[in-house]
Amino acid sequence: MTAAISLVRLLVPLSAMCLIVAGCGAEVEDSEAEARSVSVKRCGEDVEYTIPQRTVAYEGGSADKLFVLGLTDHVLGYVMPPANPPVSESPWAEEYKKVEFLGDDLLNRELVVDANADFVVAGWNSGFADQRGITPEILDRLGIMSFMHTESCFNYPNYPEHVEPFEALFTDMLRLGKIFDVEDRAAEVVSDMRRRVDAVQEQIPDREPVPVFLYDSGEDQPFTAANQVPPNEIISRAGGRNIFDEVEARWTRVSWESVVQAEPEVIVILDYGDKPAEEKIAFLKSNPMLATLPAILNDRFFILNFNEGISGPRNIDGLEKFAAYMRSLVF
C-alpha cells in the first residue's frame, strides 16, 4: 500500500509537469508566431512587421479588407466616421459585431493609444494626416505598426507609390496577407476578384466608351473623382469614360462649366453622409446650368454606395452593379 501511494505521488507531479511542458510549448509557438517578422511595403517604404493582434481599422474599406481575409480575431475595433453607411449594411455585418466600435469621428492618435492598438489600417489623408497629428512616422515612434491603402499612396510624402486603383486593392490584399501570415487566403481572394473583373469586361457592349460624371458633393463647385480613385476604374471597366480621367489626382474640385462641356451621358452619385442621393439628384436637376446635359435630359443616374467607391473589396460589387446598369442603357 505504501509503495502504491508512493508511486501515485511520483506520477502526479510527472503528469503535471507534462501538462506544464505542453502548455509552455503552446505558449512558445504563439510567441514565435507573434515575433515572426516580415518586410512589406507601406507605400514606397519597406517596413518590418510582426503579426498584429490589436488592429484598429479606419472606415469600412479598411475593416472589410481585414474581414475578407478572415482576420476578425486580430481586429480590436473600428473607427467609422458619420459619412460611412451603417455597418449593418455590410456583407461582413456579423464580423463587425464581433469587434469594438471605437468612435464615429476622424482617426486620431489619442484614440489609437488609449485602445492599446498595435496596428492601424487607414489611408493617407483619409485617416492618417499631418494636421491631425497621426501619421505612420508618428506611430512608428510610439511602437505602433501601420498600413496605408496603396490607392492613397499617390501623394504620400517621401514614399509615393503610383498604382492603378484596382491593382492597388489587389496589392493591399496580398500585402496584408503577408503581414498576417495568411498568404494563401489572400491569393484566393485576389484570384476571385480578378475573375469577377474579367467577367464584367467580357460583357461590355460594343460601342464607344460612354462619358460619365461622378458627383460626390458641392454646389458652387462639384467635388468629383479624378483618375487615382476606384470609381475611375469602375467607370472605365464597365464601358464608360470618366470625364475627368485625365486629372492626375484622387478626389478633386472642378467647375460646372467643365462638366457641361464634357456632356456626360450618365451621372454616378456617390451616396454617403447626411445628404441622401435623392437630394443630390434633385439639386443637379434643379441647376439651370446642367439642364441640357444628356444625363439630365434622359434621367440617367446611378447610385454608388460609399464603400463601393473607396478602396475595399466592395469595389468589385460596385463594378458589377454599374456594369449591369450600363448594359441596360441604349444610346
Protein backbone atom coordinates (compact mmCIF):
# COMPACT_ATOMS: atom_id res chain seq x y z
CA MET A 1 0.00 0.00 0.00
CA THR A 2 2.81 2.36 0.96
CA ALA A 3 4.67 1.57 -2.27
CA ALA A 4 1.49 2.16 -4.32
CA ILE A 5 0.89 5.53 -2.62
CA SER A 6 4.50 6.50 -3.22
CA LEU A 7 4.14 5.58 -6.89
CA VAL A 8 0.99 7.72 -7.24
CA ARG A 9 2.76 10.61 -5.55
CA LEU A 10 5.59 10.23 -8.03
CA LEU A 11 3.33 10.00 -11.09
CA VAL A 12 1.15 13.01 -10.27
CA PRO A 13 3.98 15.56 -10.30
CA LEU A 14 5.31 13.96 -13.51
CA SER A 15 1.88 14.22 -15.16
CA ALA A 16 1.55 17.81 -14.00
CA MET A 17 5.00 18.53 -15.36
CA CYS A 18 4.00 17.05 -18.73
CA LEU A 19 0.97 19.36 -18.84
CA ILE A 20 3.10 22.34 -17.92
CA VAL A 21 5.66 21.50 -20.59
CA ALA A 22 2.92 21.03 -23.19
CA GLY A 23 1.39 24.35 -22.17
CA CYS A 24 4.76 26.06 -22.35
CA GLY A 25 5.25 24.57 -25.80
CA ALA A 26 1.97 26.13 -26.99
CA GLU A 27 2.92 29.46 -25.47
CA VAL A 28 6.32 29.31 -27.15
CA GLU A 29 4.67 28.59 -30.51
CA ASP A 30 2.26 31.51 -30.07
CA SER A 31 5.10 33.77 -29.04
CA GLU A 32 7.17 32.70 -32.03
CA ALA A 33 4.24 33.37 -34.37
CA GLU A 34 3.78 36.88 -32.96
CA ALA A 35 7.52 37.54 -33.12
CA ARG A 36 7.77 36.47 -36.78
CA SER A 37 9.00 39.46 -38.76
CA VAL A 38 8.43 40.19 -42.46
CA SER A 39 9.31 43.12 -44.65
CA VAL A 40 6.33 44.57 -46.52
CA LYS A 41 5.94 47.82 -48.41
CA ARG A 42 3.97 50.68 -46.85
CA CYS A 43 3.53 52.78 -49.95
CA GLY A 44 7.09 53.03 -51.32
CA GLU A 45 8.78 52.29 -47.99
CA ASP A 46 9.99 48.89 -46.80
CA VAL A 47 8.68 48.26 -43.27
CA GLU A 48 9.18 45.37 -40.83
CA TYR A 49 6.00 43.84 -39.38
CA THR A 50 5.18 41.23 -36.78
CA ILE A 51 1.71 39.67 -36.75
CA PRO A 52 -0.67 42.29 -35.29
CA GLN A 53 -3.04 41.25 -32.51
CA ARG A 54 -4.91 44.51 -31.74
CA THR A 55 -5.74 46.16 -35.06
CA VAL A 56 -7.70 49.40 -35.41
CA ALA A 57 -9.37 49.91 -38.79
CA TYR A 58 -10.49 53.31 -40.05
CA GLU A 59 -13.56 53.37 -42.35
CA GLY A 60 -15.34 50.49 -43.97
CA GLY A 61 -12.72 49.80 -46.65
CA SER A 62 -10.04 49.06 -44.06
CA ALA A 63 -12.22 46.79 -41.93
CA ASP A 64 -13.58 44.98 -44.98
CA LYS A 65 -10.07 44.16 -46.21
CA LEU A 66 -9.31 42.52 -42.88
CA PHE A 67 -12.62 40.68 -42.63
CA VAL A 68 -12.46 39.26 -46.16
CA LEU A 69 -9.09 37.76 -45.23
CA GLY A 70 -10.61 36.07 -42.17
CA LEU A 71 -8.70 38.24 -39.70
CA THR A 72 -11.50 39.17 -37.31
CA ASP A 73 -9.64 37.68 -34.34
CA HIS A 74 -6.79 40.13 -34.98
CA VAL A 75 -9.09 43.18 -35.07
CA LEU A 76 -9.63 45.12 -31.84
CA GLY A 77 -12.15 47.52 -33.35
CA TYR A 78 -13.02 50.13 -35.93
CA VAL A 79 -13.49 53.88 -36.23
CA MET A 80 -16.38 54.78 -38.53
CA PRO A 81 -16.97 58.46 -39.37
CA PRO A 82 -20.57 59.58 -39.96
CA ALA A 83 -20.14 59.63 -43.74
CA ASN A 84 -19.82 55.86 -43.78
CA PRO A 85 -23.10 53.97 -44.29
CA PRO A 86 -24.21 51.75 -41.37
CA VAL A 87 -22.06 48.66 -40.86
CA SER A 88 -25.29 46.65 -40.68
CA GLU A 89 -25.43 47.03 -44.47
CA SER A 90 -22.01 45.46 -44.93
CA PRO A 91 -21.52 41.94 -46.31
CA TRP A 92 -19.42 41.46 -43.16
CA ALA A 93 -22.03 42.79 -40.72
CA GLU A 94 -21.59 39.74 -38.47
CA GLU A 95 -17.85 40.34 -38.25
CA TYR A 96 -18.38 43.96 -37.23
CA LYS A 97 -20.48 42.68 -34.30
CA LYS A 98 -17.50 40.68 -33.01
CA VAL A 99 -15.19 43.70 -32.62
CA GLU A 100 -15.42 47.04 -30.82
CA PHE A 101 -16.89 50.25 -32.19
CA LEU A 102 -14.21 52.74 -31.14
CA GLY A 103 -15.63 56.01 -32.41
CA ASP A 104 -17.55 57.91 -35.06
CA ASP A 105 -15.11 60.74 -35.60
CA LEU A 106 -11.89 61.15 -37.58
CA LEU A 107 -8.94 58.95 -36.70
CA ASN A 108 -6.71 60.44 -34.01
CA ARG A 109 -3.61 59.46 -32.05
CA GLU A 110 -5.26 59.55 -28.62
CA LEU A 111 -7.88 57.00 -29.64
CA VAL A 112 -5.24 54.63 -31.00
CA VAL A 113 -3.02 54.95 -27.92
CA ASP A 114 -5.93 54.60 -25.48
CA ALA A 115 -7.03 51.43 -27.27
CA ASN A 116 -3.54 49.97 -26.83
CA ALA A 117 -3.54 49.21 -30.56
CA ASP A 118 -0.52 47.54 -32.15
CA PHE A 119 -1.58 48.12 -35.78
CA VAL A 120 -3.63 50.77 -37.62
CA VAL A 121 -5.06 50.47 -41.15
CA ALA A 122 -6.15 53.66 -42.94
CA GLY A 123 -5.49 55.80 -45.99
CA TRP A 124 -3.26 58.82 -46.45
CA ASN A 125 -5.36 61.98 -45.93
CA SER A 126 -8.34 59.74 -45.26
CA GLY A 127 -7.31 58.63 -41.80
CA PHE A 128 -3.65 59.50 -41.46
CA ALA A 129 -2.92 63.22 -41.71
CA ASP A 130 -0.20 65.62 -40.62
CA GLN A 131 -2.70 68.23 -39.47
CA ARG A 132 -4.32 65.81 -37.01
CA GLY A 133 -1.01 64.54 -35.69
CA ILE A 134 -1.44 60.92 -36.70
CA THR A 135 0.94 59.68 -39.38
CA PRO A 136 2.77 56.40 -39.90
CA GLU A 137 6.01 58.09 -38.78
CA ILE A 138 4.45 59.28 -35.52
CA LEU A 139 3.02 55.82 -34.85
CA ASP A 140 6.41 54.25 -35.62
CA ARG A 141 7.91 56.33 -32.81
CA LEU A 142 5.16 55.10 -30.49
CA GLY A 143 5.86 51.47 -31.38
CA ILE A 144 2.55 51.08 -33.23
CA MET A 145 2.63 49.49 -36.67
CA SER A 146 0.59 50.97 -39.52
CA PHE A 147 -0.53 50.17 -43.05
CA MET A 148 -1.79 52.54 -45.74
CA HIS A 149 -4.09 51.77 -48.64
CA THR A 150 -1.91 51.62 -51.73
CA GLU A 151 -4.50 53.63 -53.63
CA SER A 152 -3.87 56.55 -51.26
CA CYS A 153 -0.07 56.45 -51.73
CA PHE A 154 -0.29 58.57 -54.88
CA ASN A 155 0.60 61.74 -52.97
CA TYR A 156 2.20 60.30 -49.83
CA PRO A 157 5.26 62.46 -48.97
CA ASN A 158 8.72 60.90 -49.37
CA TYR A 159 7.41 57.44 -50.26
CA PRO A 160 4.79 57.85 -53.04
CA GLU A 161 3.55 54.84 -54.97
CA HIS A 162 1.51 55.12 -58.15
CA VAL A 163 -0.68 52.06 -58.76
CA GLU A 164 -3.97 51.84 -60.65
CA PRO A 165 -6.89 51.68 -58.14
CA PHE A 166 -7.94 48.04 -58.69
CA GLU A 167 -4.35 46.85 -58.78
CA ALA A 168 -3.83 48.83 -55.58
CA LEU A 169 -6.71 46.89 -53.98
CA PHE A 170 -5.17 43.57 -55.03
CA THR A 171 -1.78 44.75 -53.75
CA ASP A 172 -3.29 45.56 -50.35
CA MET A 173 -4.83 42.12 -50.09
CA LEU A 174 -1.51 40.43 -50.82
CA ARG A 175 0.48 42.71 -48.53
CA LEU A 176 -1.93 42.25 -45.64
CA GLY A 177 -1.85 38.52 -46.31
CA LYS A 178 1.90 38.56 -45.90
CA ILE A 179 1.79 40.67 -42.72
CA PHE A 180 -0.75 38.34 -41.07
CA ASP A 181 0.74 35.14 -42.49
CA VAL A 182 -2.38 34.26 -44.50
CA GLU A 183 -0.85 34.50 -47.95
CA ASP A 184 -2.79 31.56 -49.40
CA ARG A 185 -6.09 33.09 -48.33
CA ALA A 186 -5.05 36.46 -49.79
CA ALA A 187 -4.11 34.85 -53.10
CA GLU A 188 -7.53 33.16 -53.28
CA VAL A 189 -9.33 36.45 -52.57
CA VAL A 190 -7.36 38.29 -55.25
CA SER A 191 -7.87 35.50 -57.77
CA ASP A 192 -11.64 35.65 -57.23
CA MET A 193 -11.65 39.45 -57.56
CA ARG A 194 -9.71 39.28 -60.83
CA ARG A 195 -12.10 36.62 -62.15
CA ARG A 196 -15.11 38.83 -61.41
CA VAL A 197 -13.49 41.85 -63.06
CA ASP A 198 -12.66 39.81 -66.16
CA ALA A 199 -16.25 38.51 -66.33
CA VAL A 200 -17.56 42.09 -66.33
CA GLN A 201 -15.23 43.17 -69.10
CA GLU A 202 -16.25 40.26 -71.29
CA GLN A 203 -19.79 41.67 -71.31
CA ILE A 204 -19.02 45.30 -72.23
CA PRO A 205 -21.28 46.40 -75.11
CA ASP A 206 -19.54 47.01 -78.43
CA ARG A 207 -19.67 50.80 -78.52
CA GLU A 208 -17.56 53.85 -77.78
CA PRO A 209 -16.91 54.48 -74.07
CA VAL A 210 -19.83 56.40 -72.57
CA PRO A 211 -18.92 59.76 -70.92
CA VAL A 212 -19.71 59.58 -67.19
CA PHE A 213 -19.62 62.23 -64.45
CA LEU A 214 -19.30 61.23 -60.81
CA TYR A 215 -20.94 63.66 -58.41
CA ASP A 216 -19.73 63.47 -54.84
CA SER A 217 -20.88 66.80 -53.42
CA GLY A 218 -20.62 70.58 -53.73
CA GLU A 219 -22.92 73.28 -55.08
CA ASP A 220 -20.62 76.15 -56.04
CA GLN A 221 -18.05 73.67 -57.35
CA PRO A 222 -18.60 69.93 -57.77
CA PHE A 223 -16.34 67.52 -55.92
CA THR A 224 -15.61 64.51 -58.10
CA ALA A 225 -13.36 61.53 -58.83
CA ALA A 226 -10.14 62.01 -60.79
CA ASN A 227 -8.04 59.12 -62.10
CA GLN A 228 -6.44 57.86 -58.88
CA VAL A 229 -9.52 56.50 -57.09
CA PRO A 230 -11.62 53.34 -57.56
CA PRO A 231 -14.64 54.98 -59.28
CA ASN A 232 -12.42 55.93 -62.23
CA GLU A 233 -11.72 52.26 -62.83
CA ILE A 234 -15.26 51.18 -62.01
CA ILE A 235 -16.44 53.51 -64.77
CA SER A 236 -13.83 52.50 -67.35
CA ARG A 237 -14.09 48.75 -66.78
CA ALA A 238 -17.87 48.94 -67.17
CA GLY A 239 -17.64 50.56 -70.59
CA GLY A 240 -17.66 54.21 -69.57
CA ARG A 241 -15.17 57.06 -69.52
CA ASN A 242 -14.78 59.28 -66.50
CA ILE A 243 -14.96 62.82 -67.93
CA PHE A 244 -12.14 63.79 -65.54
CA ASP A 245 -9.95 60.76 -66.18
CA GLU A 246 -7.07 62.95 -67.35
CA VAL A 247 -6.79 64.72 -63.99
CA GLU A 248 -3.81 63.31 -62.07
CA ALA A 249 -5.38 63.36 -58.61
CA ARG A 250 -7.61 61.40 -56.32
CA TRP A 251 -10.73 63.37 -55.32
CA THR A 252 -10.84 66.89 -56.70
CA ARG A 253 -12.91 70.03 -57.26
CA VAL A 254 -13.78 71.08 -60.80
CA SER A 255 -16.05 73.67 -62.41
CA TRP A 256 -19.63 73.25 -63.57
CA GLU A 257 -18.54 74.69 -66.92
CA SER A 258 -16.15 71.76 -67.44
CA VAL A 259 -18.95 69.31 -66.61
CA VAL A 260 -21.28 70.94 -69.16
CA GLN A 261 -18.56 70.95 -71.80
CA ALA A 262 -17.97 67.19 -71.35
CA GLU A 263 -21.67 66.36 -71.94
CA PRO A 264 -21.90 63.26 -69.72
CA GLU A 265 -24.46 60.65 -70.74
CA VAL A 266 -24.55 59.16 -67.23
CA ILE A 267 -24.11 60.65 -63.75
CA VAL A 268 -22.89 58.49 -60.87
CA ILE A 269 -23.97 59.70 -57.43
CA LEU A 270 -21.66 58.76 -54.54
CA ASP A 271 -24.08 58.04 -51.71
CA TYR A 272 -22.99 58.83 -48.15
CA GLY A 273 -23.38 61.20 -45.20
CA ASP A 274 -26.31 63.33 -44.22
CA LYS A 275 -27.46 64.19 -47.74
CA PRO A 276 -29.31 61.31 -49.41
CA ALA A 277 -28.60 60.51 -53.05
CA GLU A 278 -32.13 61.58 -53.97
CA GLU A 279 -31.40 65.10 -52.69
CA LYS A 280 -28.21 65.25 -54.73
CA ILE A 281 -30.11 64.21 -57.84
CA ALA A 282 -32.79 66.82 -57.15
CA PHE A 283 -30.10 69.51 -56.84
CA LEU A 284 -28.50 68.52 -60.15
CA LYS A 285 -31.87 68.55 -61.91
CA SER A 286 -32.66 71.99 -60.50
CA ASN A 287 -29.35 73.52 -61.59
CA PRO A 288 -30.12 75.54 -64.75
CA MET A 289 -26.51 75.22 -65.95
CA LEU A 290 -27.00 71.46 -66.29
CA ALA A 291 -30.42 71.45 -67.93
CA THR A 292 -29.11 70.39 -71.34
CA LEU A 293 -26.86 67.58 -70.16
CA PRO A 294 -27.77 64.25 -71.82
CA ALA A 295 -27.69 62.52 -68.42
CA ILE A 296 -30.21 65.03 -67.02
CA LEU A 297 -32.47 65.00 -70.07
CA ASN A 298 -32.59 61.20 -70.09
CA ASP A 299 -32.70 60.75 -66.29
CA ARG A 300 -29.61 58.54 -66.27
CA PHE A 301 -28.41 58.38 -62.67
CA PHE A 302 -26.61 55.54 -60.94
CA ILE A 303 -26.17 55.47 -57.15
CA LEU A 304 -22.80 54.15 -55.97
CA ASN A 305 -22.50 53.23 -52.30
CA PHE A 306 -19.72 54.99 -50.39
CA ASN A 307 -17.98 51.70 -49.57
CA GLU A 308 -18.12 50.68 -53.23
CA GLY A 309 -16.31 53.91 -54.10
CA ILE A 310 -13.45 53.90 -51.56
CA SER A 311 -10.68 51.30 -51.69
CA GLY A 312 -12.01 47.97 -50.44
CA PRO A 313 -13.44 44.60 -51.51
CA ARG A 314 -16.78 46.21 -52.28
CA ASN A 315 -15.21 47.99 -55.28
CA ILE A 316 -15.89 44.81 -57.21
CA ASP A 317 -19.55 44.81 -56.13
CA GLY A 318 -19.79 48.40 -57.34
CA LEU A 319 -18.25 47.47 -60.68
CA GLU A 320 -20.67 44.59 -61.22
CA LYS A 321 -23.70 46.73 -60.39
CA PHE A 322 -22.61 49.68 -62.52
CA ALA A 323 -21.72 47.43 -65.44
CA ALA A 324 -25.17 45.84 -65.30
CA TYR A 325 -26.71 49.33 -65.33
CA MET A 326 -24.56 50.38 -68.31
CA ARG A 327 -25.55 47.25 -70.24
CA SER A 328 -29.21 48.15 -69.71
CA LEU A 329 -28.83 51.51 -71.45
CA VAL A 330 -29.50 52.14 -75.11
CA PHE A 331 -27.80 55.12 -76.74
